[in-house]
C-alpha atoms as a PDB file:
ATOM      1  CA  MET A   1      13.287  27.883 -18.602  1.00  0.00           C
ATOM      2  CA  PRO A   2      14.983  24.841 -17.906  1.00  0.00           C
ATOM      3  CA  GLU A   3      12.565  21.296 -17.519  1.00  0.00           C
ATOM      4  CA  PRO A   4      11.291  20.504 -13.478  1.00  0.00           C
ATOM      5  CA  VAL A   5      13.866  17.228 -12.495  1.00  0.00           C
ATOM      6  CA  ASN A   6      11.470  14.427 -12.451  1.00  0.00           C
ATOM      7  CA  THR A   7      13.567  12.014 -10.358  1.00  0.00           C
ATOM      8  CA  ASP A   8      10.613  10.000  -9.557  1.00  0.00           C
ATOM      9  CA  LEU A   9      11.093   9.178 -13.228  1.00  0.00           C
ATOM     10  CA  GLY A  10      15.008   8.384 -13.376  1.00  0.00           C
ATOM     11  CA  SER A  11      15.123   6.465 -10.456  1.00  0.00           C
ATOM     12  CA  TYR A  12      11.685   4.102 -11.439  1.00  0.00           C
ATOM     13  CA  LEU A  13      14.089   3.392 -14.716  1.00  0.00           C
ATOM     14  CA  ARG A  14      16.813   2.721 -13.238  1.00  0.00           C
ATOM     15  CA  ARG A  15      15.404   0.365 -10.780  1.00  0.00           C
ATOM     16  CA  MET A  16      13.819  -1.502 -13.092  1.00  0.00           C
ATOM     17  CA  ARG A  17      16.449  -1.747 -15.360  1.00  0.00           C
ATOM     18  CA  GLU A  18      19.058  -3.232 -12.760  1.00  0.00           C
ATOM     19  CA  ARG A  19      16.338  -6.222 -11.662  1.00  0.00           C
ATOM     20  CA  LEU A  20      16.386  -7.171 -15.009  1.00  0.00           C
ATOM     21  CA  GLN A  21      18.867  -9.815 -16.018  1.00  0.00           C
ATOM     22  CA  PRO A  22      20.025  -9.917 -19.717  1.00  0.00           C
ATOM     23  CA  ALA A  23      19.182 -13.918 -19.890  1.00  0.00           C
ATOM     24  CA  GLU A  24      15.513 -13.026 -18.660  1.00  0.00           C
ATOM     25  CA  ILE A  25      14.421 -11.132 -22.023  1.00  0.00           C
ATOM     26  CA  GLY A  26      17.575 -13.522 -24.512  1.00  0.00           C
ATOM     27  CA  LEU A  27      20.255 -11.736 -24.701  1.00  0.00           C
ATOM     28  CA  VAL A  28      23.410 -12.776 -24.468  1.00  0.00           C
ATOM     29  CA  SER A  29      25.765 -11.378 -21.497  1.00  0.00           C
ATOM     30  CA  ARG A  30      29.208 -10.577 -23.008  1.00  0.00           C
ATOM     31  CA  GLY A  31      32.194  -9.259 -20.491  1.00  0.00           C
ATOM     32  CA  SER A  32      32.220  -8.699 -16.737  1.00  0.00           C
ATOM     33  CA  ARG A  33      29.134  -6.562 -15.423  1.00  0.00           C
ATOM     34  CA  ARG A  34      29.918  -3.795 -12.987  1.00  0.00           C
ATOM     35  CA  VAL A  35      26.580  -3.267 -12.263  1.00  0.00           C
ATOM     36  CA  PRO A  36      23.111  -5.372 -11.724  1.00  0.00           C
ATOM     37  CA  GLY A  37      20.684  -5.650 -14.712  1.00  0.00           C
ATOM     38  CA  LEU A  38      20.743  -4.473 -17.895  1.00  0.00           C
ATOM     39  CA  ARG A  39      23.347  -1.716 -19.253  1.00  0.00           C
ATOM     40  CA  ARG A  40      21.744   1.457 -20.486  1.00  0.00           C
ATOM     41  CA  GLU A  41      22.529   0.734 -23.886  1.00  0.00           C
ATOM     42  CA  GLU A  42      20.842  -2.310 -23.831  1.00  0.00           C
ATOM     43  CA  VAL A  43      17.499  -0.798 -22.952  1.00  0.00           C
ATOM     44  CA  ALA A  44      18.075   2.158 -25.263  1.00  0.00           C
ATOM     45  CA  ALA A  45      19.014  -0.427 -28.176  1.00  0.00           C
ATOM     46  CA  LEU A  46      15.388  -2.241 -27.058  1.00  0.00           C
ATOM     47  CA  ALA A  47      13.231   0.427 -27.239  1.00  0.00           C
ATOM     48  CA  GLY A  48      14.809   2.078 -30.431  1.00  0.00           C
ATOM     49  CA  VAL A  49      15.849   4.974 -28.663  1.00  0.00           C
ATOM     50  CA  SER A  50      19.088   6.434 -28.455  1.00  0.00           C
ATOM     51  CA  SER A  51      21.542   5.631 -25.802  1.00  0.00           C
ATOM     52  CA  THR A  52      22.305   8.944 -24.914  1.00  0.00           C
ATOM     53  CA  TYR A  53      18.392  10.062 -25.087  1.00  0.00           C
ATOM     54  CA  TYR A  54      18.039   6.848 -22.352  1.00  0.00           C
ATOM     55  CA  THR A  55      20.529   7.879 -20.413  1.00  0.00           C
ATOM     56  CA  ARG A  56      19.464  11.492 -20.078  1.00  0.00           C
ATOM     57  CA  LEU A  57      15.731   9.863 -18.662  1.00  0.00           C
ATOM     58  CA  GLU A  58      17.358   7.717 -15.805  1.00  0.00           C
ATOM     59  CA  GLN A  59      19.945  10.810 -14.739  1.00  0.00           C
ATOM     60  CA  ALA A  60      16.799  12.754 -14.565  1.00  0.00           C
ATOM     61  CA  GLN A  61      18.020  15.491 -17.145  1.00  0.00           C
ATOM     62  CA  THR A  62      14.885  15.139 -19.310  1.00  0.00           C
ATOM     63  CA  ALA A  63      11.920  15.563 -17.082  1.00  0.00           C
ATOM     64  CA  HIS A  64       9.379  13.376 -19.492  1.00  0.00           C
ATOM     65  CA  ALA A  65       9.107  11.487 -22.921  1.00  0.00           C
ATOM     66  CA  SER A  66       6.176  10.726 -25.443  1.00  0.00           C
ATOM     67  CA  PRO A  67       3.276   7.868 -24.033  1.00  0.00           C
ATOM     68  CA  GLU A  68       5.058   6.034 -27.320  1.00  0.00           C
ATOM     69  CA  VAL A  69       8.848   6.589 -26.362  1.00  0.00           C
ATOM     70  CA  LEU A  70       7.318   4.916 -22.500  1.00  0.00           C
ATOM     71  CA  SER A  71       5.882   2.257 -23.790  1.00  0.00           C
ATOM     72  CA  ALA A  72       8.718   0.969 -25.821  1.00  0.00           C
ATOM     73  CA  ILE A  73      10.680   1.538 -22.776  1.00  0.00           C
ATOM     74  CA  ALA A  74       8.560  -0.800 -20.569  1.00  0.00           C
ATOM     75  CA  ARG A  75       8.583  -3.336 -23.134  1.00  0.00           C
ATOM     76  CA  ALA A  76      12.227  -3.277 -23.477  1.00  0.00           C
ATOM     77  CA  LEU A  77      12.702  -3.149 -19.286  1.00  0.00           C
ATOM     78  CA  ASP A  78       9.518  -6.067 -19.335  1.00  0.00           C
ATOM     79  CA  LEU A  79       7.580  -4.195 -17.198  1.00  0.00           C
ATOM     80  CA  SER A  80       4.134  -5.603 -15.948  1.00  0.00           C
ATOM     81  CA  ALA A  81       0.366  -3.440 -17.253  1.00  0.00           C
ATOM     82  CA  ALA A  82       0.842  -1.962 -13.704  1.00  0.00           C
ATOM     83  CA  GLU A  83       4.545  -1.030 -13.952  1.00  0.00           C
ATOM     84  CA  GLU A  84       3.644   0.391 -17.061  1.00  0.00           C
ATOM     85  CA  ALA A  85       0.824   2.255 -16.584  1.00  0.00           C
ATOM     86  CA  HIS A  86       3.114   3.638 -13.437  1.00  0.00           C
ATOM     87  CA  LEU A  87       5.534   4.299 -15.815  1.00  0.00           C
ATOM     88  CA  LEU A  88       3.478   6.543 -18.369  1.00  0.00           C
ATOM     89  CA  LYS A  89       1.888   8.712 -15.047  1.00  0.00           C
ATOM     90  CA  ILE A  90       5.475   9.672 -13.605  1.00  0.00           C
ATOM     91  CA  GLY A  91       6.794  10.066 -17.016  1.00  0.00           C
ATOM     92  CA  THR A  92       4.518  11.965 -18.839  1.00  0.00           C
ATOM     93  CA  THR A  93       3.513  15.879 -17.991  1.00  0.00           C
ATOM     94  CA  ALA A  94       1.663  15.795 -14.932  1.00  0.00           C
ATOM     95  CA  PRO A  95      -1.633  17.731 -14.845  1.00  0.00           C
ATOM     96  CA  ALA A  96      -1.933  21.150 -12.950  1.00  0.00           C
ATOM     97  CA  PRO A  97      -3.190  20.529  -9.817  1.00  0.00           C
ATOM     98  CA  PRO A  98      -6.808  21.877  -9.537  1.00  0.00           C
ATOM     99  CA  VAL A  99      -7.820  25.356  -8.199  1.00  0.00           C
ATOM    100  CA  ARG A 100     -10.140  23.104  -5.531  1.00  0.00           C
ATOM    101  CA  PRO A 101      -9.333  19.874  -4.533  1.00  0.00           C
ATOM    102  CA  ALA A 102     -11.964  17.450  -4.645  1.00  0.00           C
ATOM    103  CA  THR A 103     -12.391  16.608  -1.236  1.00  0.00           C
ATOM    104  CA  THR A 104     -12.676  12.893  -0.400  1.00  0.00           C
ATOM    105  CA  ASP A 105     -12.738  12.986   3.065  1.00  0.00           C
ATOM    106  CA  GLU A 106     -16.500  13.836   3.761  1.00  0.00           C
ATOM    107  CA  LEU A 107     -18.928  10.891   3.258  1.00  0.00           C
ATOM    108  CA  THR A 108     -22.531  11.007   2.171  1.00  0.00           C
ATOM    109  CA  PRO A 109     -25.418   9.821   4.439  1.00  0.00           C
ATOM    110  CA  HIS A 110     -25.639   7.006   1.821  1.00  0.00           C
ATOM    111  CA  THR A 111     -22.467   5.515   2.266  1.00  0.00           C
ATOM    112  CA  ARG A 112     -22.342   5.894   5.656  1.00  0.00           C
ATOM    113  CA  MET A 113     -25.472   3.955   5.726  1.00  0.00           C
ATOM    114  CA  LEU A 114     -23.831   1.122   3.867  1.00  0.00           C
ATOM    115  CA  VAL A 115     -21.394   0.560   5.926  1.00  0.00           C
ATOM    116  CA  ASN A 116     -23.475  -0.106   8.469  1.00  0.00           C
ATOM    117  CA  THR A 117     -25.876  -2.334   7.004  1.00  0.00           C
ATOM    118  CA  LEU A 118     -23.105  -4.777   5.954  1.00  0.00           C
ATOM    119  CA  GLY A 119     -22.956  -6.308   9.314  1.00  0.00           C
ATOM    120  CA  ALA A 120     -21.817  -9.623   8.320  1.00  0.00           C
ATOM    121  CA  ALA A 121     -18.678  -8.045   6.314  1.00  0.00           C
ATOM    122  CA  ALA A 122     -15.988  -5.835   8.271  1.00  0.00           C
ATOM    123  CA  VAL A 123     -16.486  -3.115   6.250  1.00  0.00           C
ATOM    124  CA  ALA A 124     -14.458   0.637   6.134  1.00  0.00           C
ATOM    125  CA  VAL A 125     -14.288   3.535   3.769  1.00  0.00           C
ATOM    126  CA  LEU A 126     -10.916   4.854   2.623  1.00  0.00           C
ATOM    127  CA  ASN A 127      -9.730   7.576   0.839  1.00  0.00           C
ATOM    128  CA  PHE A 128      -7.273   7.303  -1.625  1.00  0.00           C
ATOM    129  CA  ARG A 129      -4.314   8.084   1.245  1.00  0.00           C
ATOM    130  CA  CYS A 130      -5.671   5.262   2.978  1.00  0.00           C
ATOM    131  CA  ASP A 131      -7.294   7.420   5.720  1.00  0.00           C
ATOM    132  CA  ILE A 132     -10.060   5.534   7.320  1.00  0.00           C
ATOM    133  CA  LEU A 133     -13.122   7.439   7.163  1.00  0.00           C
ATOM    134  CA  ALA A 134     -15.638   5.277   8.290  1.00  0.00           C
ATOM    135  CA  TRP A 135     -15.601   1.591   9.789  1.00  0.00           C
ATOM    136  CA  ASN A 136     -18.675  -0.916  10.941  1.00  0.00           C
ATOM    137  CA  SER A 137     -18.177  -2.885  14.312  1.00  0.00           C
ATOM    138  CA  LEU A 138     -16.748  -5.681  13.106  1.00  0.00           C
ATOM    139  CA  PHE A 139     -14.299  -3.899  11.117  1.00  0.00           C
ATOM    140  CA  HIS A 140     -13.454  -1.847  14.278  1.00  0.00           C
ATOM    141  CA  LYS A 141     -13.075  -4.764  15.988  1.00  0.00           C
ATOM    142  CA  LEU A 142     -10.969  -6.878  13.858  1.00  0.00           C
ATOM    143  CA  PHE A 143      -8.389  -4.332  12.820  1.00  0.00           C
ATOM    144  CA  ALA A 144      -7.983  -1.603  15.708  1.00  0.00           C
ATOM    145  CA  ALA A 145     -10.085  -2.572  18.888  1.00  0.00           C
ATOM    146  CA  HIS A 146      -7.597  -0.590  20.908  1.00  0.00           C
ATOM    147  CA  LEU A 147      -8.532   2.717  19.365  1.00  0.00           C
ATOM    148  CA  ASP A 148     -11.877   4.473  20.075  1.00  0.00           C
ATOM    149  CA  PHE A 149     -14.076   3.532  17.770  1.00  0.00           C
ATOM    150  CA  ALA A 150     -15.183   7.312  16.489  1.00  0.00           C
ATOM    151  CA  ALA A 151     -11.352   7.788  15.842  1.00  0.00           C
ATOM    152  CA  PRO A 152     -12.841   7.815  11.874  1.00  0.00           C
ATOM    153  CA  ASP A 153     -14.638  11.092  12.579  1.00  0.00           C
ATOM    154  CA  ARG A 154     -12.015  12.286  14.622  1.00  0.00           C
ATOM    155  CA  ASP A 155      -8.536  11.459  14.201  1.00  0.00           C
ATOM    156  CA  ARG A 156      -8.740   9.381  10.746  1.00  0.00           C
ATOM    157  CA  PRO A 157      -6.600   6.729  11.396  1.00  0.00           C
ATOM    158  CA  ASN A 158      -4.330   5.677   8.391  1.00  0.00           C
ATOM    159  CA  VAL A 159      -4.222   1.888   7.374  1.00  0.00           C
ATOM    160  CA  VAL A 160      -0.530   1.942   6.321  1.00  0.00           C
ATOM    161  CA  LYS A 161       0.401   4.190   9.442  1.00  0.00           C
ATOM    162  CA  LEU A 162      -1.178   1.385  11.929  1.00  0.00           C
ATOM    163  CA  ASN A 163       0.441  -1.472   9.507  1.00  0.00           C
ATOM    164  CA  PHE A 164       3.994  -0.335   9.796  1.00  0.00           C
ATOM    165  CA  LEU A 165       3.610   1.876  12.953  1.00  0.00           C
ATOM    166  CA  ASP A 166       1.360   0.067  15.277  1.00  0.00           C
ATOM    167  CA  ASP A 167       2.061  -3.247  17.121  1.00  0.00           C
ATOM    168  CA  ASN A 168      -1.264  -4.619  17.461  1.00  0.00           C
ATOM    169  CA  VAL A 169      -1.619  -4.343  14.053  1.00  0.00           C
ATOM    170  CA  ARG A 170       1.186  -5.784  12.782  1.00  0.00           C
ATOM    171  CA  ALA A 171       0.819  -8.590  14.727  1.00  0.00           C
ATOM    172  CA  LEU A 172      -2.835  -9.211  13.132  1.00  0.00           C
ATOM    173  CA  TYR A 173      -1.130 -10.410   9.616  1.00  0.00           C
ATOM    174  CA  ALA A 174      -0.107 -14.232   9.461  1.00  0.00           C
ATOM    175  CA  ASP A 175       2.022 -12.906   6.377  1.00  0.00           C
ATOM    176  CA  TRP A 176       3.186  -9.529   7.622  1.00  0.00           C
ATOM    177  CA  PRO A 177       6.043  -8.788   5.071  1.00  0.00           C
ATOM    178  CA  LEU A 178       3.668  -9.555   2.466  1.00  0.00           C
ATOM    179  CA  GLU A 179       0.858  -6.869   3.737  1.00  0.00           C
ATOM    180  CA  ALA A 180       3.673  -4.369   4.128  1.00  0.00           C
ATOM    181  CA  GLN A 181       4.776  -5.010   0.433  1.00  0.00           C
ATOM    182  CA  GLN A 182       1.285  -4.653  -1.310  1.00  0.00           C
ATOM    183  CA  ASN A 183       1.137  -1.779   1.091  1.00  0.00           C
ATOM    184  CA  VAL A 184       3.816   0.660  -0.328  1.00  0.00           C
ATOM    185  CA  SER A 185       3.369  -1.122  -4.042  1.00  0.00           C
ATOM    186  CA  TYR A 186      -0.526   0.575  -3.359  1.00  0.00           C
ATOM    187  CA  LEU A 187       0.987   3.880  -2.231  1.00  0.00           C
ATOM    188  CA  ARG A 188       3.661   4.318  -5.144  1.00  0.00           C
ATOM    189  CA  TYR A 189       0.363   3.437  -7.923  1.00  0.00           C
ATOM    190  CA  ILE A 190      -1.504   6.240  -5.995  1.00  0.00           C
ATOM    191  CA  ALA A 191       1.160   8.818  -5.576  1.00  0.00           C
ATOM    192  CA  ALA A 192       1.153   8.605  -9.453  1.00  0.00           C
ATOM    193  CA  ASP A 193      -2.148   9.925  -9.740  1.00  0.00           C
ATOM    194  CA  HIS A 194      -1.919  12.619  -6.865  1.00  0.00           C
ATOM    195  CA  ARG A 195       1.502  13.546  -7.977  1.00  0.00           C
ATOM    196  CA  HIS A 196       0.526  17.924  -6.266  1.00  0.00           C
ATOM    197  CA  ASP A 197      -1.142  16.521  -3.092  1.00  0.00           C
ATOM    198  CA  PRO A 198       0.760  17.570  -0.065  1.00  0.00           C
ATOM    199  CA  ARG A 199      -0.554  15.551   2.365  1.00  0.00           C
ATOM    200  CA  LEU A 200       0.044  12.030   0.727  1.00  0.00           C
ATOM    201  CA  ALA A 201       3.943  13.268   0.136  1.00  0.00           C
ATOM    202  CA  GLU A 202       3.527  14.350   4.032  1.00  0.00           C
ATOM    203  CA  LEU A 203       2.731  10.670   4.636  1.00  0.00           C
ATOM    204  CA  ILE A 204       5.355   8.831   2.808  1.00  0.00           C
ATOM    205  CA  GLY A 205       7.751  11.460   4.208  1.00  0.00           C
ATOM    206  CA  GLU A 206       6.488   9.929   7.513  1.00  0.00           C
ATOM    207  CA  LEU A 207       6.675   6.711   6.864  1.00  0.00           C
ATOM    208  CA  THR A 208      10.194   6.480   5.442  1.00  0.00           C
ATOM    209  CA  MET A 209      11.481   8.420   8.598  1.00  0.00           C
ATOM    210  CA  ALA A 210       9.440   6.546  11.088  1.00  0.00           C
ATOM    211  CA  SER A 211       9.913   3.021   9.515  1.00  0.00           C
ATOM    212  CA  PRO A 212      13.202   1.902   7.989  1.00  0.00           C
ATOM    213  CA  GLU A 213      11.264  -1.393   6.731  1.00  0.00           C
ATOM    214  CA  PHE A 214       9.257   1.150   4.853  1.00  0.00           C
ATOM    215  CA  ALA A 215      11.795   3.204   3.330  1.00  0.00           C
ATOM    216  CA  LYS A 216      13.619   0.196   2.327  1.00  0.00           C
ATOM    217  CA  LEU A 217      11.118  -1.153   0.691  1.00  0.00           C
ATOM    218  CA  TRP A 218      10.193   2.245  -0.911  1.00  0.00           C
ATOM    219  CA  VAL A 219      13.078   2.528  -2.454  1.00  0.00           C
ATOM    220  CA  GLY A 220      12.234  -1.029  -4.391  1.00  0.00           C
ATOM    221  CA  GLN A 221       9.865   0.807  -6.483  1.00  0.00           C
ATOM    222  CA  THR A 222       7.254  -2.099  -6.772  1.00  0.00           C
ATOM    223  CA  VAL A 223       3.626  -0.604  -7.841  1.00  0.00           C
ATOM    224  CA  GLY A 224       0.225  -2.214  -7.855  1.00  0.00           C
ATOM    225  CA  ASN A 225      -3.051  -2.158  -7.429  1.00  0.00           C
ATOM    226  CA  CYS A 226      -4.154  -4.947  -4.728  1.00  0.00           C
ATOM    227  CA  THR A 227      -7.967  -5.139  -5.072  1.00  0.00           C
ATOM    228  CA  ALA A 228      -9.120  -8.694  -4.682  1.00  0.00           C
ATOM    229  CA  GLY A 229      -7.328 -11.388  -2.410  1.00  0.00           C
ATOM    230  CA  VAL A 230      -7.081 -13.397   0.573  1.00  0.00           C
ATOM    231  CA  LYS A 231      -5.935 -12.802   4.017  1.00  0.00           C
ATOM    232  CA  THR A 232      -4.939 -14.409   6.918  1.00  0.00           C
ATOM    233  CA  PHE A 233      -5.151 -12.917  10.311  1.00  0.00           C
ATOM    234  CA  ARG A 234      -4.070 -14.360  14.118  1.00  0.00           C
ATOM    235  CA  HIS A 235      -6.500 -12.309  15.816  1.00  0.00           C
ATOM    236  CA  PRO A 236      -6.151 -12.190  20.116  1.00  0.00           C
ATOM    237  CA  THR A 237      -9.500 -13.110  20.600  1.00  0.00           C
ATOM    238  CA  VAL A 238     -10.790 -15.547  17.811  1.00  0.00           C
ATOM    239  CA  GLY A 239      -7.262 -17.023  16.844  1.00  0.00           C
ATOM    240  CA  GLU A 240      -6.117 -17.624  12.984  1.00  0.00           C
ATOM    241  CA  PHE A 241      -8.788 -17.359  10.605  1.00  0.00           C
ATOM    242  CA  GLU A 242      -8.688 -16.271   6.693  1.00  0.00           C
ATOM    243  CA  LEU A 243     -11.048 -13.397   5.081  1.00  0.00           C
ATOM    244  CA  MET A 244     -11.342 -12.485   1.786  1.00  0.00           C
ATOM    245  CA  TYR A 245     -11.690  -9.134   0.597  1.00  0.00           C
ATOM    246  CA  GLN A 246     -12.614  -6.675  -2.059  1.00  0.00           C
ATOM    247  CA  SER A 247     -12.053  -3.245  -2.475  1.00  0.00           C
ATOM    248  CA  ALA A 248     -14.416  -1.000  -4.539  1.00  0.00           C
ATOM    249  CA  GLU A 249     -14.212   2.707  -5.710  1.00  0.00           C
ATOM    250  CA  LEU A 250     -17.378   4.541  -4.378  1.00  0.00           C
ATOM    251  CA  GLY A 251     -19.220   7.477  -6.798  1.00  0.00           C
ATOM    252  CA  ASP A 252     -17.893  10.066  -4.372  1.00  0.00           C
ATOM    253  CA  GLY A 253     -13.904   9.508  -4.619  1.00  0.00           C
ATOM    254  CA  THR A 254     -13.524   6.694  -1.951  1.00  0.00           C
ATOM    255  CA  VAL A 255     -12.606   3.497  -1.806  1.00  0.00           C
ATOM    256  CA  LEU A 256     -14.982   0.475   0.277  1.00  0.00           C
ATOM    257  CA  LYS A 257     -13.084  -2.123   1.581  1.00  0.00           C
ATOM    258  CA  ILE A 258     -14.665  -5.707   2.525  1.00  0.00           C
ATOM    259  CA  TYR A 259     -13.580  -8.281   4.159  1.00  0.00           C
ATOM    260  CA  HIS A 260     -15.826 -11.299   4.170  1.00  0.00           C
ATOM    261  CA  ALA A 261     -15.238 -15.171   5.318  1.00  0.00           C
ATOM    262  CA  ALA A 262     -16.129 -17.890   3.156  1.00  0.00           C
ATOM    263  CA  PRO A 263     -20.182 -19.481   3.688  1.00  0.00           C
ATOM    264  CA  ASP A 264     -20.262 -22.896   6.415  1.00  0.00           C
ATOM    265  CA  SER A 265     -16.404 -22.206   6.820  1.00  0.00           C
ATOM    266  CA  ALA A 266     -14.289 -22.721   9.981  1.00  0.00           C
ATOM    267  CA  HIS A 267     -13.288 -18.466   9.080  1.00  0.00           C
ATOM    268  CA  GLU A 268     -16.691 -17.646   8.828  1.00  0.00           C
ATOM    269  CA  ALA A 269     -17.544 -18.666  12.633  1.00  0.00           C
ATOM    270  CA  ALA A 270     -14.505 -17.015  14.026  1.00  0.00           C
ATOM    271  CA  VAL A 271     -15.705 -14.041  12.017  1.00  0.00           C
ATOM    272  CA  LYS A 272     -19.107 -14.536  13.844  1.00  0.00           C
ATOM    273  CA  LEU A 273     -17.449 -15.071  17.437  1.00  0.00           C
ATOM    274  CA  LEU A 274     -15.693 -11.955  16.806  1.00  0.00           C
ATOM    275  CA  ALA A 275     -18.974 -10.367  16.223  1.00  0.00           C
ATOM    276  CA  THR A 276     -20.814 -11.797  19.458  1.00  0.00           C
ATOM    277  CA  ASP A 277     -18.245 -10.530  21.089  1.00  0.00           C
ATOM    278  CA  LEU A 278     -19.242  -7.091  20.079  1.00  0.00           C
ATOM    279  CA  SER A 279     -22.636  -7.121  21.417  1.00  0.00           C
END
């Protein structure tokens, strides 16, 4: 029986090869280049594999490779740690889907209590698809006051869909292009771990059809798991301010998202004003 086609692997290798210029890794470019980036035979030579074998991987004629070969190719392509991890996930044999997929949509009472007790921060709990399963009042007021507060219990708004398809949410980000790129990179990161999840595939398909911006970024094949940083918001009620954010995986497979301001700062004052407006 022939191996199943793995177009994710081939397209990812091609994109990573095309973005890397010979001079970046100390290669002397000889002759004209009709395509951007490295040639296939150059990648193969750097990775210590045959040009024919590498070409089969890139053209999806071979479904997967050994972790050792993929790591050698990652070094040849100068991939980051996150990019190499992604390559290993999509380039090795995918594990069979579980007979009973573990649900990550039902929260424990303890998790709901945690969300409600962190009142000084904007807090939400997401599943791996970025569906919002619960949020506290401040998170709701910050990101989606135009939605019903009970939406996570009923409709489960999706963060990525809101960021790309909801003009109210898009307008919140002072640097929406960066936010968009991080969203797509995270979905790429997650997709490698959940290749059998039909709802995630449906989400990616819906976004690709509904948003040309998403479709263009998705083809770019960037990968990343952004778990902490700073974002600048332009809120219609309290103006511009910065919040630090962190993500933490919970024991039930969900992710806790926390946005908070630096103590005794103008940003904290803006958050307190936003919270006051809730009462």
